[in-house]
Amino acid sequence: MRPNLSCNSPAAGTDRHVAARLFCALAIFAALLGSTAPSPLYPQYAAQWKIGQGAVNALFAVYSLGTLFSLVLGGVLSDRVPDRRWMILPALATVAAGAFLMAIASSLPILFLGRFLAGVGTGAITGTATAALSELDPSPTHGRAAVIATLAFTGGAAIGPTVSSIAIAGDLFPRVTPFLFIVALSLLVIAGLVVSPWSRPRNTTKATVPKLAEATDPVADKCGKFALSALTICVAWMVGSALMAVGPAVAISAFDLQSAATAGLFPVAFQVFAGCGQFAFGRMRHRTAIRVGLAGLGLTQTAVAVASATGTASLLLVTIPISGLVYGAAFVGAAGLVSHSASPNRRGSIISRFYAIGYLANALPVLAMGFLADQIGLRQSFSVFSAIVLILAVLGIIATIKSADVRAYITRAMK
């Protein structure tokens, strides 16, 4: 069944795009459910197949590598197709297939394949659905679209471990039930997108051809904004991915928690407050939100490392919500800056490139931390990771303060 290619002018079709925007947001939400649902289950996987922290983090990272592969390919294709649903629909089917494999996994290779497929589907959805939200947004600045996209992203990331923690607490087949829920939601969103009225097919003939006027200072300015956005999402997602991958394990080992369901609530709390942060800082100037987010992430990550090293549960309980709030500020600031500065005919590829860099930061540091944990211990490797986050956050803050100098340097370098 082909999507309903309703051709509506922006003025006449604004109200009719509400359903399309809703299902685009739900597509991001469903994809991120698949991203974080396994987080409370990693200790169970480790016990079931008797694997170390390095292998557990590799299971987390293979998702990010699948996402990266899809973002690199999908970003180019997204700007070439006249209807972005042609990218979103098969991507949702891939997410559903990955979740189904996770639900029936009887061996580690099947589990890895399920995670990889979930990543491939998420990569295609993230950049494409975000670009679609911008194009369907009646506001000229697309600011609301960036907030909706990041809220859907963080909402899915928060609900994923919540569903798994509930399944663990209730002994409701925790390694099966959350993934069947993702399958059902993905199929529902597919049906919704198929029947939703959409905007007029886009002109894609100039999708990959830059304009002559964009060859000097405007490009340099956009490169500077993109670089700042990319560095910010790297710092934010390094923090978020560490909490998703090793947060429950750190909570169990450092604070002697006996319940995997309780330990799984740490990443849930982080993501819930991240959503609050995105909502609270969504209307702030992008660079200001980035500066607040980076400063907060550097400080709170240092506090989390101290709490983990000393076993101070009260410090961790105070720090996690604050870390989530400033993560939300950094994420919404970076996403808003890159979306607002991207050229309309290259929006899909630029946003996909932005998320591809984020997923590299999502995968590689956590993978390295996992293997380092097997050598020197989880707490020590987490301290090294936190120090790197602090350094990158400081560099990002300097970049926001010296942004004019950075843009001037890029302009000179391109001449």
Protein backbone atom coordinates (compact mmCIF):
# COMPACT_ATOMS: atom_id res chain seq x y z
CA MET A 1 0.00 0.00 0.00
CA ARG A 2 1.53 3.31 -1.05
CA PRO A 3 1.46 6.28 1.33
CA ASN A 4 -1.30 8.81 0.80
CA LEU A 5 0.54 11.50 -1.19
CA SER A 6 -1.91 14.31 -0.52
CA CYS A 7 -0.69 17.53 -2.11
CA ASN A 8 -1.52 20.44 0.12
CA SER A 9 -0.20 23.96 0.05
CA PRO A 10 1.32 25.11 3.35
CA ALA A 11 -1.49 27.56 3.99
CA ALA A 12 -4.29 25.13 3.27
CA GLY A 13 -2.68 22.04 4.70
CA THR A 14 -1.25 23.20 8.01
CA ASP A 15 -4.00 21.61 10.14
CA ARG A 16 -3.98 18.43 8.06
CA HIS A 17 -0.30 17.90 8.90
CA VAL A 18 -0.95 17.43 12.61
CA ALA A 19 -1.39 13.66 12.19
CA ALA A 20 1.71 13.42 10.01
CA ARG A 21 3.80 15.28 12.60
CA LEU A 22 2.38 13.09 15.37
CA PHE A 23 3.34 9.86 13.62
CA CYS A 24 6.79 11.22 12.70
CA ALA A 25 7.34 11.94 16.39
CA LEU A 26 6.02 8.48 17.30
CA ALA A 27 8.42 6.94 14.76
CA ILE A 28 11.34 8.54 16.63
CA PHE A 29 9.76 7.48 19.93
CA ALA A 30 9.39 3.85 18.83
CA ALA A 31 12.95 3.71 17.51
CA LEU A 32 14.36 5.04 20.78
CA LEU A 33 12.31 2.54 22.76
CA GLY A 34 14.35 -0.11 21.00
CA SER A 35 17.53 1.76 21.79
CA THR A 36 17.16 1.82 25.57
CA ALA A 37 14.81 -1.05 26.43
CA PRO A 38 17.74 -3.50 26.85
CA SER A 39 19.51 -1.25 29.39
CA PRO A 40 18.14 -2.89 32.59
CA LEU A 41 18.54 -6.29 30.91
CA TYR A 42 22.30 -6.14 30.34
CA PRO A 43 23.12 -7.74 33.73
CA GLN A 44 20.72 -10.58 32.86
CA TYR A 45 22.34 -11.07 29.46
CA ALA A 46 25.78 -11.11 31.13
CA ALA A 47 24.63 -13.75 33.61
CA GLN A 48 22.78 -15.86 31.02
CA TRP A 49 25.67 -16.10 28.57
CA LYS A 50 28.50 -15.57 31.11
CA ILE A 51 30.07 -12.61 29.31
CA GLY A 52 32.20 -9.75 30.67
CA GLN A 53 31.57 -6.02 30.69
CA GLY A 54 33.46 -5.60 27.41
CA ALA A 55 31.07 -7.96 25.60
CA VAL A 56 28.06 -6.29 27.23
CA ASN A 57 29.24 -2.89 26.04
CA ALA A 58 29.88 -4.37 22.59
CA LEU A 59 26.22 -5.43 22.55
CA PHE A 60 25.33 -1.82 23.29
CA ALA A 61 27.80 -0.46 20.72
CA VAL A 62 26.69 -2.69 17.83
CA TYR A 63 23.38 -0.84 17.93
CA SER A 64 25.20 2.47 17.49
CA LEU A 65 27.29 1.08 14.63
CA GLY A 66 24.11 -0.04 12.85
CA THR A 67 22.67 3.41 13.40
CA LEU A 68 25.83 5.03 12.04
CA PHE A 69 25.75 2.87 8.92
CA SER A 70 22.14 3.80 8.26
CA LEU A 71 22.63 7.52 8.94
CA VAL A 72 25.52 7.77 6.49
CA LEU A 73 23.53 6.06 3.72
CA GLY A 74 20.07 7.33 4.63
CA GLY A 75 21.04 10.98 4.90
CA VAL A 76 21.87 11.13 1.21
CA LEU A 77 18.82 9.11 0.11
CA SER A 78 16.49 11.12 2.34
CA ASP A 79 17.13 14.29 0.34
CA ARG A 80 16.66 12.48 -2.98
CA VAL A 81 13.21 10.94 -2.42
CA PRO A 82 10.14 13.16 -2.98
CA ASP A 83 8.38 11.80 0.12
CA ARG A 84 10.39 11.13 3.28
CA ARG A 85 7.96 8.40 4.32
CA TRP A 86 9.60 6.22 1.68
CA MET A 87 12.57 6.17 4.06
CA ILE A 88 10.67 6.10 7.35
CA LEU A 89 8.34 3.17 6.60
CA PRO A 90 10.99 0.52 5.77
CA ALA A 91 13.08 1.85 8.66
CA LEU A 92 10.20 1.21 11.08
CA ALA A 93 9.85 -2.30 9.65
CA THR A 94 13.55 -2.83 10.35
CA VAL A 95 13.13 -1.63 13.93
CA ALA A 96 10.26 -4.10 14.35
CA ALA A 97 12.36 -6.92 12.90
CA GLY A 98 15.25 -6.14 15.25
CA ALA A 99 12.92 -6.08 18.26
CA PHE A 100 11.38 -9.39 17.21
CA LEU A 101 14.82 -11.00 17.03
CA MET A 102 15.64 -9.65 20.49
CA ALA A 103 12.41 -11.19 21.81
CA ILE A 104 13.15 -14.67 20.42
CA ALA A 105 16.94 -14.61 20.84
CA SER A 106 18.25 -17.99 22.00
CA SER A 107 21.91 -17.22 21.38
CA LEU A 108 24.28 -14.28 21.57
CA PRO A 109 24.71 -13.91 17.76
CA ILE A 110 20.94 -13.50 17.31
CA LEU A 111 20.93 -10.91 20.08
CA PHE A 112 23.71 -8.98 18.34
CA LEU A 113 21.87 -9.18 15.01
CA GLY A 114 18.67 -7.88 16.61
CA ARG A 115 20.54 -4.94 18.11
CA PHE A 116 22.25 -4.18 14.81
CA LEU A 117 18.93 -4.17 12.90
CA ALA A 118 17.38 -1.94 15.56
CA GLY A 119 20.27 0.47 15.03
CA VAL A 120 19.91 0.43 11.26
CA GLY A 121 16.21 1.26 11.52
CA THR A 122 16.79 3.97 14.12
CA GLY A 123 19.48 5.64 12.01
CA ALA A 124 17.18 5.94 9.02
CA ILE A 125 14.34 7.25 11.18
CA THR A 126 16.26 9.77 13.30
CA GLY A 127 17.53 12.11 10.60
CA THR A 128 14.66 11.60 8.15
CA ALA A 129 11.79 11.99 10.62
CA THR A 130 13.45 15.05 12.18
CA ALA A 131 13.78 16.65 8.73
CA ALA A 132 10.15 15.77 7.98
CA LEU A 133 9.02 17.41 11.21
CA SER A 134 10.85 20.59 10.18
CA GLU A 135 9.25 20.60 6.73
CA LEU A 136 5.76 19.96 8.12
CA ASP A 137 6.13 22.61 10.83
CA PRO A 138 4.15 25.76 9.95
CA SER A 139 6.45 28.00 12.03
CA PRO A 140 9.15 29.68 9.92
CA THR A 141 12.04 28.98 12.33
CA HIS A 142 11.27 25.25 12.79
CA GLY A 143 12.01 25.73 16.51
CA ARG A 144 8.97 23.74 17.57
CA ALA A 145 9.98 20.87 15.30
CA ALA A 146 13.40 20.60 16.98
CA VAL A 147 11.77 20.53 20.43
CA ILE A 148 9.23 17.88 19.35
CA ALA A 149 11.97 15.73 17.82
CA THR A 150 14.20 15.87 20.88
CA LEU A 151 11.26 15.28 23.25
CA ALA A 152 10.20 12.22 21.21
CA PHE A 153 13.81 11.07 21.25
CA THR A 154 14.18 11.43 25.00
CA GLY A 155 10.66 10.20 25.73
CA GLY A 156 11.35 6.95 23.91
CA ALA A 157 14.73 6.69 25.64
CA ALA A 158 13.02 7.07 29.03
CA ILE A 159 10.08 4.73 28.45
CA GLY A 160 12.30 1.94 27.08
CA PRO A 161 14.08 1.07 30.36
CA THR A 162 10.86 1.81 32.26
CA VAL A 163 9.02 -0.93 30.38
CA SER A 164 11.89 -3.35 30.92
CA SER A 165 12.16 -2.52 34.64
CA ILE A 166 8.43 -3.09 35.10
CA ALA A 167 8.73 -6.43 33.28
CA ILE A 168 11.66 -7.42 35.53
CA ALA A 169 9.85 -6.38 38.71
CA GLY A 170 6.69 -8.25 37.71
CA ASP A 171 8.57 -11.23 36.25
CA LEU A 172 6.64 -10.62 33.01
CA PHE A 173 9.08 -12.34 30.66
CA PRO A 174 11.40 -9.29 30.74
CA ARG A 175 13.59 -10.45 27.84
CA VAL A 176 10.52 -10.82 25.61
CA THR A 177 7.66 -8.48 26.58
CA PRO A 178 9.38 -5.09 26.02
CA PHE A 179 10.42 -6.04 22.50
CA LEU A 180 6.99 -7.32 21.50
CA PHE A 181 5.64 -3.96 22.66
CA ILE A 182 8.12 -2.23 20.33
CA VAL A 183 7.02 -4.46 17.44
CA ALA A 184 3.34 -3.58 18.03
CA LEU A 185 4.04 0.16 18.31
CA SER A 186 6.17 0.17 15.15
CA LEU A 187 3.41 -1.51 13.16
CA LEU A 188 0.87 1.00 14.50
CA VAL A 189 3.06 3.94 13.44
CA ILE A 190 3.55 2.42 9.99
CA ALA A 191 -0.23 2.28 9.54
CA GLY A 192 -0.61 5.85 10.78
CA LEU A 193 2.01 7.24 8.40
CA VAL A 194 0.49 5.41 5.44
CA VAL A 195 -2.92 7.03 5.89
CA SER A 196 -1.79 10.49 7.06
CA PRO A 197 -2.09 13.43 4.63
CA TRP A 198 1.34 14.72 3.69
CA SER A 199 2.75 17.86 2.13
CA ARG A 200 3.34 18.41 -1.56
CA PRO A 201 6.21 16.22 -2.88
CA ARG A 202 9.51 18.04 -2.50
CA ASN A 203 11.73 19.23 -5.32
CA THR A 204 14.82 16.99 -5.03
CA THR A 205 16.66 17.90 -8.20
CA LYS A 206 19.16 20.11 -6.35
CA ALA A 207 19.54 18.02 -3.23
CA THR A 208 23.26 17.48 -3.52
CA VAL A 209 24.31 20.55 -5.52
CA PRO A 210 25.48 23.45 -3.31
CA LYS A 211 24.68 26.95 -4.45
CA LEU A 212 27.49 29.24 -5.58
CA ALA A 213 26.52 31.77 -2.94
CA GLU A 214 27.14 29.11 -0.27
CA ALA A 215 30.79 28.72 -1.18
CA THR A 216 32.20 31.45 1.06
CA ASP A 217 31.24 33.02 4.35
CA PRO A 218 27.74 31.49 4.71
CA VAL A 219 29.25 28.01 4.47
CA ALA A 220 31.97 28.91 6.93
CA ASP A 221 29.34 30.14 9.37
CA LYS A 222 27.29 26.97 8.92
CA CYS A 223 30.41 24.83 9.37
CA GLY A 224 31.13 26.60 12.64
CA LYS A 225 27.58 26.03 13.87
CA PHE A 226 27.68 22.41 12.76
CA ALA A 227 31.02 21.81 14.50
CA LEU A 228 29.70 23.31 17.74
CA SER A 229 26.50 21.27 17.50
CA ALA A 230 28.48 18.10 16.78
CA LEU A 231 30.83 18.60 19.74
CA THR A 232 27.85 19.26 22.01
CA ILE A 233 25.96 16.13 20.99
CA CYS A 234 29.18 14.14 21.42
CA VAL A 235 29.50 15.24 25.04
CA ALA A 236 25.79 14.78 25.77
CA TRP A 237 25.52 11.35 24.18
CA MET A 238 28.74 10.13 25.77
CA VAL A 239 27.14 10.82 29.14
CA GLY A 240 23.76 9.37 28.14
CA SER A 241 25.20 6.23 26.55
CA ALA A 242 27.42 5.52 29.55
CA LEU A 243 24.39 5.64 31.81
CA MET A 244 22.43 3.38 29.46
CA ALA A 245 25.24 0.84 29.05
CA VAL A 246 26.84 0.64 32.49
CA GLY A 247 24.52 2.67 34.75
CA PRO A 248 22.66 -0.33 36.18
CA ALA A 249 25.93 -2.27 36.63
CA VAL A 250 27.58 0.71 38.36
CA ALA A 251 24.56 1.10 40.65
CA ILE A 252 24.62 -2.59 41.57
CA SER A 253 28.38 -2.78 42.19
CA ALA A 254 28.95 0.63 43.80
CA PHE A 255 25.83 0.82 45.98
CA ASP A 256 25.12 -2.89 46.60
CA LEU A 257 21.67 -2.76 45.02
CA GLN A 258 20.10 -6.21 44.94
CA SER A 259 17.29 -5.46 42.49
CA ALA A 260 18.02 -5.18 38.76
CA ALA A 261 14.65 -3.45 38.35
CA THR A 262 15.66 -0.75 40.86
CA ALA A 263 19.07 -0.31 39.23
CA GLY A 264 17.32 0.06 35.87
CA LEU A 265 15.47 3.11 37.19
CA PHE A 266 18.68 5.20 37.23
CA PRO A 267 18.71 5.61 33.42
CA VAL A 268 14.94 6.10 33.52
CA ALA A 269 15.31 9.03 35.94
CA PHE A 270 18.05 10.50 33.78
CA GLN A 271 15.92 10.37 30.63
CA VAL A 272 12.80 11.72 32.35
CA PHE A 273 14.69 14.78 33.59
CA ALA A 274 16.36 15.08 30.19
CA GLY A 275 12.92 15.47 28.67
CA CYS A 276 12.10 18.13 31.27
CA GLY A 277 15.34 19.90 30.40
CA GLN A 278 14.52 19.91 26.70
CA PHE A 279 11.11 21.38 27.41
CA ALA A 280 12.49 23.97 29.84
CA PHE A 281 15.40 25.08 27.64
CA GLY A 282 13.66 24.62 24.29
CA ARG A 283 12.93 28.33 23.86
CA MET A 284 16.33 29.52 25.01
CA ARG A 285 18.85 30.75 22.45
CA HIS A 286 20.65 27.74 20.99
CA ARG A 287 24.15 28.82 22.00
CA THR A 288 23.02 29.72 25.52
CA ALA A 289 21.35 26.32 25.95
CA ILE A 290 24.52 24.65 24.69
CA ARG A 291 26.68 26.61 27.12
CA VAL A 292 24.41 25.75 30.07
CA GLY A 293 24.25 22.12 29.01
CA LEU A 294 28.00 21.65 28.57
CA ALA A 295 28.86 23.36 31.85
CA GLY A 296 26.29 21.28 33.69
CA LEU A 297 27.35 18.01 32.07
CA GLY A 298 30.99 18.57 32.97
CA LEU A 299 30.16 19.30 36.60
CA THR A 300 27.56 16.58 37.09
CA GLN A 301 29.65 13.89 35.40
CA THR A 302 32.46 14.74 37.79
CA ALA A 303 30.02 14.43 40.70
CA VAL A 304 28.73 11.07 39.42
CA ALA A 305 32.30 9.78 39.17
CA VAL A 306 32.98 10.88 42.76
CA ALA A 307 29.74 9.27 43.96
CA SER A 308 30.62 6.01 42.20
CA ALA A 309 34.20 5.96 43.52
CA THR A 310 33.14 6.66 47.10
CA GLY A 311 29.90 4.70 47.12
CA THR A 312 27.93 7.83 48.09
CA ALA A 313 24.41 6.95 47.01
CA SER A 314 22.91 10.24 48.19
CA LEU A 315 25.23 12.25 45.91
CA LEU A 316 24.29 10.08 42.96
CA LEU A 317 20.58 10.46 43.68
CA VAL A 318 20.93 14.26 43.70
CA THR A 319 23.21 14.41 40.65
CA ILE A 320 21.35 12.15 38.21
CA PRO A 321 18.26 14.44 37.86
CA ILE A 322 20.47 17.53 37.44
CA SER A 323 22.57 15.70 34.86
CA GLY A 324 19.40 14.83 32.96
CA LEU A 325 18.23 18.45 32.96
CA VAL A 326 21.50 19.82 31.57
CA TYR A 327 21.71 16.95 29.08
CA GLY A 328 18.32 18.11 27.82
CA ALA A 329 19.61 21.67 27.49
CA ALA A 330 22.69 20.56 25.53
CA PHE A 331 20.72 18.23 23.25
CA VAL A 332 17.91 20.64 22.38
CA GLY A 333 20.40 23.47 21.86
CA ALA A 334 22.58 21.42 19.52
CA ALA A 335 19.62 19.97 17.60
CA GLY A 336 18.01 23.38 17.26
CA LEU A 337 21.22 25.03 16.05
CA VAL A 338 21.94 22.43 13.38
CA SER A 339 18.32 22.25 12.19
CA HIS A 340 17.96 26.04 11.98
CA SER A 341 21.26 26.50 10.11
CA ALA A 342 20.84 23.64 7.62
CA SER A 343 19.93 24.53 4.02
CA PRO A 344 16.43 23.27 3.12
CA ASN A 345 17.69 21.24 0.15
CA ARG A 346 20.28 19.48 2.31
CA ARG A 347 18.45 19.30 5.63
CA GLY A 348 18.11 15.52 5.68
CA SER A 349 21.77 14.85 4.97
CA ILE A 350 23.01 17.53 7.40
CA ILE A 351 20.82 16.29 10.26
CA SER A 352 21.80 12.68 9.49
CA ARG A 353 25.47 13.69 9.59
CA PHE A 354 24.86 15.40 12.92
CA TYR A 355 23.31 12.27 14.41
CA ALA A 356 25.98 10.04 12.83
CA ILE A 357 28.66 11.94 14.76
CA GLY A 358 26.52 11.62 17.88
CA TYR A 359 26.22 7.87 17.47
CA LEU A 360 29.98 7.54 17.02
CA ALA A 361 30.33 9.24 20.39
CA ASN A 362 27.55 6.98 21.61
CA ALA A 363 29.41 3.80 20.66
CA LEU A 364 33.18 4.13 20.69
CA PRO A 365 33.82 5.63 24.16
CA VAL A 366 31.43 3.17 25.82
CA LEU A 367 33.01 0.28 23.94
CA ALA A 368 36.47 1.40 25.08
CA MET A 369 35.24 1.86 28.65
CA GLY A 370 33.84 -1.68 28.66
CA PHE A 371 37.11 -3.27 27.62
CA LEU A 372 39.03 -1.02 30.03
CA ALA A 373 36.66 -2.11 32.81
CA ASP A 374 37.65 -5.73 32.23
CA GLN A 375 41.29 -4.70 32.76
CA ILE A 376 41.25 -2.19 35.64
CA GLY A 377 37.72 -2.38 37.03
CA LEU A 378 34.41 -0.67 36.29
CA ARG A 379 34.75 2.19 38.77
CA GLN A 380 38.26 3.13 37.60
CA SER A 381 37.30 3.05 33.92
CA PHE A 382 34.25 5.17 34.69
CA SER A 383 36.52 7.76 36.33
CA VAL A 384 38.73 7.91 33.21
CA PHE A 385 35.63 8.32 31.06
CA SER A 386 34.35 11.14 33.28
CA ALA A 387 37.64 13.02 33.01
CA ILE A 388 37.41 12.90 29.20
CA VAL A 389 33.83 14.20 29.32
CA LEU A 390 34.93 17.11 31.51
CA ILE A 391 37.75 18.06 29.10
CA LEU A 392 35.45 17.98 26.06
CA ALA A 393 32.79 20.02 27.88
CA VAL A 394 35.34 22.72 28.69
CA LEU A 395 36.45 22.81 25.04
CA GLY A 396 32.83 23.19 23.96
CA ILE A 397 32.24 26.09 26.33
CA ILE A 398 35.35 27.81 25.01
CA ALA A 399 34.01 27.29 21.47
CA THR A 400 30.73 29.03 22.33
CA ILE A 401 32.57 31.97 23.86
CA LYS A 402 35.07 32.24 21.01
CA SER A 403 32.56 31.40 18.26
CA ALA A 404 33.39 34.53 16.27
CA ASP A 405 37.08 33.58 16.24
CA VAL A 406 36.21 30.02 15.23
CA ARG A 407 34.09 31.22 12.30
CA ALA A 408 36.84 33.59 11.20
CA TYR A 409 39.38 30.77 11.33
CA ILE A 410 37.16 28.50 9.22
CA THR A 411 36.62 31.30 6.70
CA ARG A 412 40.38 31.81 6.32
CA ALA A 413 41.00 28.06 6.07
CA MET A 414 38.48 27.68 3.23
CA LYS A 415 39.96 30.50 1.14
